[in-house]
Amino acid sequence: MTTLTGCGMTDKDSDPTPSAGTSTSRDASDAMQKLSSGIYDLIGVKGRTSDSHPFVAECPGKDTKTYFRIFHWWSFYPASAKDLDVAMERLRTELPRHGWKIVTYGPDTSRNKNVNLTADNDQRKAGVNIVQMAKNDPPKLSLHVVSGCYKVPDGQEVEHF
């Protein structure tokens, strides 16, 4: 998960998690929801998603009252198991066309040899890890989307949800 927390998105300093700018927790959550929706649109096959919402988390080594990250973990279940490969291949080809840089792609070290795709979006200061779980019942894509570190506007505190 190092890549997701900014390895490919680092600013010139040594902080491993990039700054995503200033925002309220709610506005950042809404932006993460839109980012996830954009990834969903790239899948390009019929299916359903899990019912999940973005949530607020700490930024490592930063004041928890003024800095936060947004995580959005969700799953995609294709209408047909044979569409799982199609969905993953579409993401591999379409993400770079939409500002994402693929950092890793290939089977993981698990017994199932799940295909993993990790990508960073420097412009959006976000990362995504997508795992193709073909041997699950039902088969699915597991997606973990994470933002860089936001700072709340002056005079406000992080709202956790």
C-alpha atoms as a PDB file:
ATOM      1  CA  MET A   1       0.000   0.000   0.000  1.00  0.00           C
ATOM      2  CA  THR A   2       3.014   2.305   0.029  1.00  0.00           C
ATOM      3  CA  THR A   3       2.276   3.334  -3.530  1.00  0.00           C
ATOM      4  CA  LEU A   4      -1.302   4.201  -2.645  1.00  0.00           C
ATOM      5  CA  THR A   5      -0.163   6.502   0.079  1.00  0.00           C
ATOM      6  CA  GLY A   6       1.873   8.499  -2.320  1.00  0.00           C
ATOM      7  CA  CYS A   7       5.113   6.848  -3.381  1.00  0.00           C
ATOM      8  CA  GLY A   8       4.404   7.837  -6.956  1.00  0.00           C
ATOM      9  CA  MET A   9       2.815  11.138  -5.952  1.00  0.00           C
ATOM     10  CA  THR A  10       5.309  12.612  -3.538  1.00  0.00           C
ATOM     11  CA  ASP A  11       6.114  16.268  -3.440  1.00  0.00           C
ATOM     12  CA  LYS A  12       9.783  17.184  -3.391  1.00  0.00           C
ATOM     13  CA  ASP A  13      10.022  16.896   0.418  1.00  0.00           C
ATOM     14  CA  SER A  14      10.367  13.571   2.265  1.00  0.00           C
ATOM     15  CA  ASP A  15       6.694  13.290   3.281  1.00  0.00           C
ATOM     16  CA  PRO A  16       5.473  10.004   1.733  1.00  0.00           C
ATOM     17  CA  THR A  17       1.834  11.166   1.543  1.00  0.00           C
ATOM     18  CA  PRO A  18       1.251  14.071  -0.848  1.00  0.00           C
ATOM     19  CA  SER A  19      -0.707  17.146   0.073  1.00  0.00           C
ATOM     20  CA  ALA A  20      -4.125  17.180  -1.551  1.00  0.00           C
ATOM     21  CA  GLY A  21      -4.788  20.809  -0.631  1.00  0.00           C
ATOM     22  CA  THR A  22      -7.341  22.382   1.685  1.00  0.00           C
ATOM     23  CA  SER A  23     -10.867  21.028   2.057  1.00  0.00           C
ATOM     24  CA  THR A  24     -13.560  20.135   4.510  1.00  0.00           C
ATOM     25  CA  SER A  25     -14.041  16.424   5.200  1.00  0.00           C
ATOM     26  CA  ARG A  26     -17.443  16.447   3.465  1.00  0.00           C
ATOM     27  CA  ASP A  27     -16.201  18.163   0.305  1.00  0.00           C
ATOM     28  CA  ALA A  28     -13.194  15.829   0.099  1.00  0.00           C
ATOM     29  CA  SER A  29     -15.498  12.829   0.592  1.00  0.00           C
ATOM     30  CA  ASP A  30     -17.751  14.054  -2.222  1.00  0.00           C
ATOM     31  CA  ALA A  31     -14.700  14.447  -4.485  1.00  0.00           C
ATOM     32  CA  MET A  32     -13.573  10.890  -3.639  1.00  0.00           C
ATOM     33  CA  GLN A  33     -17.058   9.578  -4.441  1.00  0.00           C
ATOM     34  CA  LYS A  34     -16.872  11.277  -7.859  1.00  0.00           C
ATOM     35  CA  LEU A  35     -13.375   9.855  -8.441  1.00  0.00           C
ATOM     36  CA  SER A  36     -14.627   6.341  -7.633  1.00  0.00           C
ATOM     37  CA  SER A  37     -17.610   6.882  -9.940  1.00  0.00           C
ATOM     38  CA  GLY A  38     -15.219   7.820 -12.726  1.00  0.00           C
ATOM     39  CA  ILE A  39     -13.294   4.580 -12.186  1.00  0.00           C
ATOM     40  CA  TYR A  40     -16.579   2.664 -12.200  1.00  0.00           C
ATOM     41  CA  ASP A  41     -17.463   4.239 -15.561  1.00  0.00           C
ATOM     42  CA  LEU A  42     -14.176   2.937 -17.013  1.00  0.00           C
ATOM     43  CA  ILE A  43     -15.043  -0.675 -16.122  1.00  0.00           C
ATOM     44  CA  GLY A  44     -17.420  -0.745 -19.073  1.00  0.00           C
ATOM     45  CA  VAL A  45     -19.253  -3.994 -18.306  1.00  0.00           C
ATOM     46  CA  LYS A  46     -22.586  -4.573 -16.617  1.00  0.00           C
ATOM     47  CA  GLY A  47     -22.600  -5.434 -12.954  1.00  0.00           C
ATOM     48  CA  ARG A  48     -23.273  -4.096  -9.478  1.00  0.00           C
ATOM     49  CA  THR A  49     -21.226  -2.430  -6.787  1.00  0.00           C
ATOM     50  CA  SER A  50     -21.138  -2.846  -3.056  1.00  0.00           C
ATOM     51  CA  ASP A  51     -22.930  -0.219  -1.003  1.00  0.00           C
ATOM     52  CA  SER A  52     -20.028   1.618   0.574  1.00  0.00           C
ATOM     53  CA  HIS A  53     -19.147   5.217   1.278  1.00  0.00           C
ATOM     54  CA  PRO A  54     -15.882   7.118   1.630  1.00  0.00           C
ATOM     55  CA  PHE A  55     -14.546   7.547   5.145  1.00  0.00           C
ATOM     56  CA  VAL A  56     -12.098   9.854   6.917  1.00  0.00           C
ATOM     57  CA  ALA A  57      -8.734   8.583   8.191  1.00  0.00           C
ATOM     58  CA  GLU A  58      -5.618  10.080   9.751  1.00  0.00           C
ATOM     59  CA  CYS A  59      -2.596  11.326   7.857  1.00  0.00           C
ATOM     60  CA  PRO A  60       0.479   9.603   9.273  1.00  0.00           C
ATOM     61  CA  GLY A  61       2.546  11.926  11.460  1.00  0.00           C
ATOM     62  CA  LYS A  62       0.171  14.895  11.172  1.00  0.00           C
ATOM     63  CA  ASP A  63      -2.194  16.639  13.576  1.00  0.00           C
ATOM     64  CA  THR A  64      -5.438  14.627  13.542  1.00  0.00           C
ATOM     65  CA  LYS A  65      -7.561  17.725  14.178  1.00  0.00           C
ATOM     66  CA  THR A  66      -6.455  19.522  11.025  1.00  0.00           C
ATOM     67  CA  TYR A  67      -5.195  16.864   8.560  1.00  0.00           C
ATOM     68  CA  PHE A  68      -6.994  13.877   7.075  1.00  0.00           C
ATOM     69  CA  ARG A  69      -7.194  11.470   4.148  1.00  0.00           C
ATOM     70  CA  ILE A  70     -10.229   9.970   2.471  1.00  0.00           C
ATOM     71  CA  PHE A  71     -10.513   6.245   1.764  1.00  0.00           C
ATOM     72  CA  HIS A  72     -13.174   4.592  -0.355  1.00  0.00           C
ATOM     73  CA  TRP A  73     -13.230   0.807  -0.413  1.00  0.00           C
ATOM     74  CA  TRP A  74     -15.754  -0.845  -2.688  1.00  0.00           C
ATOM     75  CA  SER A  75     -16.304  -3.939  -4.809  1.00  0.00           C
ATOM     76  CA  PHE A  76     -17.579  -4.524  -8.332  1.00  0.00           C
ATOM     77  CA  TYR A  77     -19.456  -7.740  -9.194  1.00  0.00           C
ATOM     78  CA  PRO A  78     -19.852  -8.303 -12.961  1.00  0.00           C
ATOM     79  CA  ALA A  79     -23.178  -9.613 -14.239  1.00  0.00           C
ATOM     80  CA  SER A  80     -21.259 -12.507 -15.797  1.00  0.00           C
ATOM     81  CA  ALA A  81     -18.086 -14.103 -14.365  1.00  0.00           C
ATOM     82  CA  LYS A  82     -16.518 -14.059 -17.845  1.00  0.00           C
ATOM     83  CA  ASP A  83     -16.740 -10.246 -17.797  1.00  0.00           C
ATOM     84  CA  LEU A  84     -14.278 -10.011 -14.897  1.00  0.00           C
ATOM     85  CA  ASP A  85     -11.261 -10.301 -17.215  1.00  0.00           C
ATOM     86  CA  VAL A  86     -12.827  -7.782 -19.596  1.00  0.00           C
ATOM     87  CA  ALA A  87     -13.378  -5.308 -16.737  1.00  0.00           C
ATOM     88  CA  MET A  88      -9.800  -5.606 -15.471  1.00  0.00           C
ATOM     89  CA  GLU A  89      -8.337  -5.253 -18.958  1.00  0.00           C
ATOM     90  CA  ARG A  90     -10.477  -2.165 -19.609  1.00  0.00           C
ATOM     91  CA  LEU A  91      -9.205  -0.587 -16.385  1.00  0.00           C
ATOM     92  CA  ARG A  92      -5.596  -1.401 -17.349  1.00  0.00           C
ATOM     93  CA  THR A  93      -5.998   0.346 -20.705  1.00  0.00           C
ATOM     94  CA  GLU A  94      -8.418   3.154 -19.765  1.00  0.00           C
ATOM     95  CA  LEU A  95      -6.964   4.437 -16.482  1.00  0.00           C
ATOM     96  CA  PRO A  96      -3.810   5.864 -18.180  1.00  0.00           C
ATOM     97  CA  ARG A  97      -6.033   7.657 -20.711  1.00  0.00           C
ATOM     98  CA  HIS A  98      -7.710   9.438 -17.780  1.00  0.00           C
ATOM     99  CA  GLY A  99      -4.669  10.742 -15.898  1.00  0.00           C
ATOM    100  CA  TRP A 100      -3.674   7.608 -13.969  1.00  0.00           C
ATOM    101  CA  LYS A 101      -0.165   6.162 -14.024  1.00  0.00           C
ATOM    102  CA  ILE A 102      -0.069   2.404 -13.524  1.00  0.00           C
ATOM    103  CA  VAL A 103       2.608   1.643 -10.946  1.00  0.00           C
ATOM    104  CA  THR A 104       2.155  -2.136 -10.677  1.00  0.00           C
ATOM    105  CA  TYR A 105       0.201  -4.726 -12.630  1.00  0.00           C
ATOM    106  CA  GLY A 106       0.298  -8.494 -12.343  1.00  0.00           C
ATOM    107  CA  PRO A 107      -0.425 -11.478 -10.133  1.00  0.00           C
ATOM    108  CA  ASP A 108       0.114 -11.171  -6.398  1.00  0.00           C
ATOM    109  CA  THR A 109       1.794 -13.741  -4.162  1.00  0.00           C
ATOM    110  CA  SER A 110      -1.469 -15.200  -2.818  1.00  0.00           C
ATOM    111  CA  ARG A 111      -2.443 -18.809  -3.424  1.00  0.00           C
ATOM    112  CA  ASN A 112      -5.046 -17.570  -5.928  1.00  0.00           C
ATOM    113  CA  LYS A 113      -2.529 -15.382  -7.789  1.00  0.00           C
ATOM    114  CA  ASN A 114      -5.035 -12.512  -7.892  1.00  0.00           C
ATOM    115  CA  VAL A 115      -4.218  -9.881 -10.493  1.00  0.00           C
ATOM    116  CA  ASN A 116      -3.369  -6.542  -8.827  1.00  0.00           C
ATOM    117  CA  LEU A 117      -3.350  -3.119 -10.448  1.00  0.00           C
ATOM    118  CA  THR A 118      -2.058  -0.100  -8.558  1.00  0.00           C
ATOM    119  CA  ALA A 119      -2.239   3.372 -10.105  1.00  0.00           C
ATOM    120  CA  ASP A 120      -1.603   6.962  -9.018  1.00  0.00           C
ATOM    121  CA  ASN A 121      -3.243  10.123 -10.261  1.00  0.00           C
ATOM    122  CA  ASP A 122      -0.840  13.014  -9.583  1.00  0.00           C
ATOM    123  CA  GLN A 123      -3.363  15.666 -10.632  1.00  0.00           C
ATOM    124  CA  ARG A 124      -6.025  14.361  -8.262  1.00  0.00           C
ATOM    125  CA  LYS A 125      -3.490  13.414  -5.565  1.00  0.00           C
ATOM    126  CA  ALA A 126      -5.079   9.983  -5.273  1.00  0.00           C
ATOM    127  CA  GLY A 127      -4.201   6.344  -5.701  1.00  0.00           C
ATOM    128  CA  VAL A 128      -6.148   3.169  -6.389  1.00  0.00           C
ATOM    129  CA  ASN A 129      -5.434  -0.509  -5.834  1.00  0.00           C
ATOM    130  CA  ILE A 130      -7.663  -2.927  -7.740  1.00  0.00           C
ATOM    131  CA  VAL A 131      -7.571  -6.665  -7.051  1.00  0.00           C
ATOM    132  CA  GLN A 132      -9.208  -9.109  -9.467  1.00  0.00           C
ATOM    133  CA  MET A 133     -10.624 -11.876  -7.289  1.00  0.00           C
ATOM    134  CA  ALA A 134     -11.623 -14.395  -9.963  1.00  0.00           C
ATOM    135  CA  LYS A 135     -11.848 -17.343  -7.574  1.00  0.00           C
ATOM    136  CA  ASN A 136     -14.183 -15.629  -5.103  1.00  0.00           C
ATOM    137  CA  ASP A 137     -17.808 -16.668  -5.036  1.00  0.00           C
ATOM    138  CA  PRO A 138     -19.035 -14.471  -6.591  1.00  0.00           C
ATOM    139  CA  PRO A 139     -16.034 -13.209  -8.585  1.00  0.00           C
ATOM    140  CA  LYS A 140     -15.312  -9.519  -8.041  1.00  0.00           C
ATOM    141  CA  LEU A 141     -12.968  -6.585  -8.334  1.00  0.00           C
ATOM    142  CA  SER A 142     -11.964  -5.141  -4.963  1.00  0.00           C
ATOM    143  CA  LEU A 143     -11.107  -1.432  -5.195  1.00  0.00           C
ATOM    144  CA  HIS A 144      -9.314   0.700  -2.599  1.00  0.00           C
ATOM    145  CA  VAL A 145      -9.172   4.386  -3.482  1.00  0.00           C
ATOM    146  CA  VAL A 146      -7.212   6.776  -1.238  1.00  0.00           C
ATOM    147  CA  SER A 147      -6.523  10.516  -1.314  1.00  0.00           C
ATOM    148  CA  GLY A 148      -3.473  12.468  -0.329  1.00  0.00           C
ATOM    149  CA  CYS A 149      -3.534  14.476   2.913  1.00  0.00           C
ATOM    150  CA  TYR A 150      -5.991  17.333   3.122  1.00  0.00           C
ATOM    151  CA  LYS A 151      -5.812  20.238   5.558  1.00  0.00           C
ATOM    152  CA  VAL A 152      -9.088  21.643   6.833  1.00  0.00           C
ATOM    153  CA  PRO A 153      -9.724  25.372   6.307  1.00  0.00           C
ATOM    154  CA  ASP A 154      -8.441  27.649   9.073  1.00  0.00           C
ATOM    155  CA  GLY A 155     -10.672  27.630  12.130  1.00  0.00           C
ATOM    156  CA  GLN A 156     -12.217  24.231  11.340  1.00  0.00           C
ATOM    157  CA  GLU A 157     -11.537  20.704  12.555  1.00  0.00           C
ATOM    158  CA  VAL A 158     -11.643  17.364  10.790  1.00  0.00           C
ATOM    159  CA  GLU A 159     -15.088  15.806  10.785  1.00  0.00           C
ATOM    160  CA  HIS A 160     -14.833  12.008  11.150  1.00  0.00           C
ATOM    161  CA  PHE A 161     -17.365   9.716   9.506  1.00  0.00           C
END
